[in-house]
Amino acid sequence: MSHDGDVPRTPEQLAAFMNGLSFEPAPAPQDEQALLDALPPAGSPVMVVRSLRLPTELDEAVALAAKAAEVPKTTWIRQAIEMALAVQAEDDQPISRAEALRALTLLRPARHVA
């Protein structure tokens, strides 16, 4: 039913529509078990689909990063979100790359004792 004209508007139209429906037979017991086996295990996390808009340049950068990490883009994005939430949850404040490099240059080289 894709048009308003297809919607039953009277009891007679509804009865005719319902009489025209056909249902698939229930699966055979061996097929039913195969269908049940195809379900995710009980207690496994439920994945929620989200849609987001990214500028082309950001999408291309994500694609390159995901390719370098050898994971799908959605996995890379999910992992980036997980890392951002972990940082936020630890009351840690992210610093800029420039600040990190400045701090690293102040470190003395490690001395290796043989």
Protein backbone atom coordinates (compact mmCIF):
# COMPACT_ATOMS: atom_id res chain seq x y z
CA MET A 1 0.00 0.00 0.00
CA SER A 2 1.87 2.99 -1.22
CA HIS A 3 -0.95 5.42 -2.02
CA ASP A 4 -3.82 6.79 0.04
CA GLY A 5 -6.19 5.28 -2.51
CA ASP A 6 -4.87 1.82 -1.56
CA VAL A 7 -5.90 2.19 2.10
CA PRO A 8 -9.16 0.37 2.91
CA ARG A 9 -11.75 2.93 4.00
CA THR A 10 -14.85 0.81 4.51
CA PRO A 11 -15.47 -2.47 6.34
CA GLU A 12 -16.03 -4.15 2.99
CA GLN A 13 -12.72 -2.88 1.58
CA LEU A 14 -10.93 -4.00 4.75
CA ALA A 15 -12.51 -7.47 4.53
CA ALA A 16 -11.45 -7.77 0.88
CA PHE A 17 -7.93 -6.65 1.79
CA MET A 18 -7.64 -9.10 4.68
CA ASN A 19 -8.98 -11.95 2.51
CA GLY A 20 -6.27 -11.17 -0.04
CA LEU A 21 -3.43 -11.61 2.45
CA SER A 22 -1.40 -14.78 2.35
CA PHE A 23 1.09 -16.00 4.92
CA GLU A 24 4.17 -18.13 4.58
CA PRO A 25 3.99 -21.51 6.29
CA ALA A 26 5.88 -21.92 9.56
CA PRO A 27 9.45 -23.20 9.10
CA ALA A 28 10.10 -26.92 9.40
CA PRO A 29 11.66 -27.93 12.75
CA GLN A 30 15.16 -28.35 11.24
CA ASP A 31 14.87 -24.92 9.55
CA GLU A 32 13.56 -23.37 12.75
CA GLN A 33 16.65 -24.52 14.65
CA ALA A 34 18.92 -23.08 11.93
CA LEU A 35 17.11 -19.74 12.24
CA LEU A 36 17.49 -19.79 16.02
CA ASP A 37 21.20 -20.65 15.69
CA ALA A 38 21.66 -17.62 13.42
CA LEU A 39 20.52 -15.24 16.18
CA PRO A 40 23.20 -13.46 18.23
CA PRO A 41 23.98 -15.12 21.56
CA ALA A 42 21.84 -14.10 24.52
CA GLY A 43 23.35 -11.19 26.38
CA SER A 44 25.40 -9.96 23.41
CA PRO A 45 25.35 -6.17 23.02
CA VAL A 46 22.64 -4.66 20.89
CA MET A 47 24.06 -2.40 18.20
CA VAL A 48 22.22 0.85 17.46
CA VAL A 49 22.47 2.43 14.03
CA ARG A 50 23.24 6.16 14.02
CA SER A 51 23.44 8.44 11.04
CA LEU A 52 25.79 11.40 11.00
CA ARG A 53 26.90 13.97 8.49
CA LEU A 54 30.59 14.57 7.93
CA PRO A 55 32.31 17.09 5.69
CA THR A 56 33.92 15.37 2.70
CA GLU A 57 37.44 16.09 3.95
CA LEU A 58 36.71 14.55 7.36
CA ASP A 59 35.12 11.49 5.77
CA GLU A 60 38.17 11.03 3.57
CA ALA A 61 40.47 11.36 6.60
CA VAL A 62 38.40 8.76 8.46
CA ALA A 63 38.56 6.44 5.45
CA LEU A 64 42.36 6.76 5.31
CA ALA A 65 42.72 6.21 9.06
CA ALA A 66 40.43 3.18 8.97
CA LYS A 67 42.34 1.74 6.02
CA ALA A 68 45.65 2.23 7.85
CA ALA A 69 44.19 0.50 10.92
CA GLU A 70 42.76 -2.23 8.66
CA VAL A 71 39.25 -1.85 10.07
CA PRO A 72 35.95 -0.71 8.53
CA LYS A 73 35.15 3.00 8.82
CA THR A 74 32.29 2.32 11.23
CA THR A 75 34.60 0.36 13.52
CA TRP A 76 37.18 3.16 13.44
CA ILE A 77 34.53 5.77 14.27
CA ARG A 78 33.14 3.60 17.09
CA GLN A 79 36.65 3.14 18.55
CA ALA A 80 37.30 6.90 18.33
CA ILE A 81 34.08 7.58 20.23
CA GLU A 82 34.99 4.94 22.84
CA MET A 83 38.43 6.54 23.33
CA ALA A 84 36.92 10.03 23.68
CA LEU A 85 34.44 8.74 26.27
CA ALA A 86 37.20 6.93 28.18
CA VAL A 87 39.26 10.12 28.37
CA GLN A 88 36.24 12.09 29.48
CA ALA A 89 35.29 9.49 32.10
CA GLU A 90 38.76 9.57 33.70
CA ASP A 91 38.57 13.34 34.25
CA ASP A 92 41.59 13.59 31.99
CA GLN A 93 41.93 16.66 29.85
CA PRO A 94 43.22 16.09 26.33
CA ILE A 95 46.16 18.28 25.31
CA SER A 96 47.21 19.53 21.93
CA ARG A 97 49.86 17.74 19.92
CA ALA A 98 52.08 20.82 20.24
CA GLU A 99 51.84 20.68 24.06
CA ALA A 100 52.62 16.96 24.05
CA LEU A 101 55.69 17.45 21.84
CA ARG A 102 56.89 20.31 24.02
CA ALA A 103 56.60 18.10 27.10
CA LEU A 104 58.40 15.22 25.38
CA THR A 105 61.34 17.41 24.41
CA LEU A 106 61.93 18.14 28.10
CA LEU A 107 62.45 14.46 28.89
CA ARG A 108 65.98 13.16 29.21
CA PRO A 109 66.98 10.21 27.03
CA ALA A 110 66.76 6.82 28.71
CA ARG A 111 70.11 5.34 29.65
CA HIS A 112 70.54 1.70 28.76
CA VAL A 113 72.53 -0.33 31.24
CA ALA A 114 74.11 -3.43 29.71
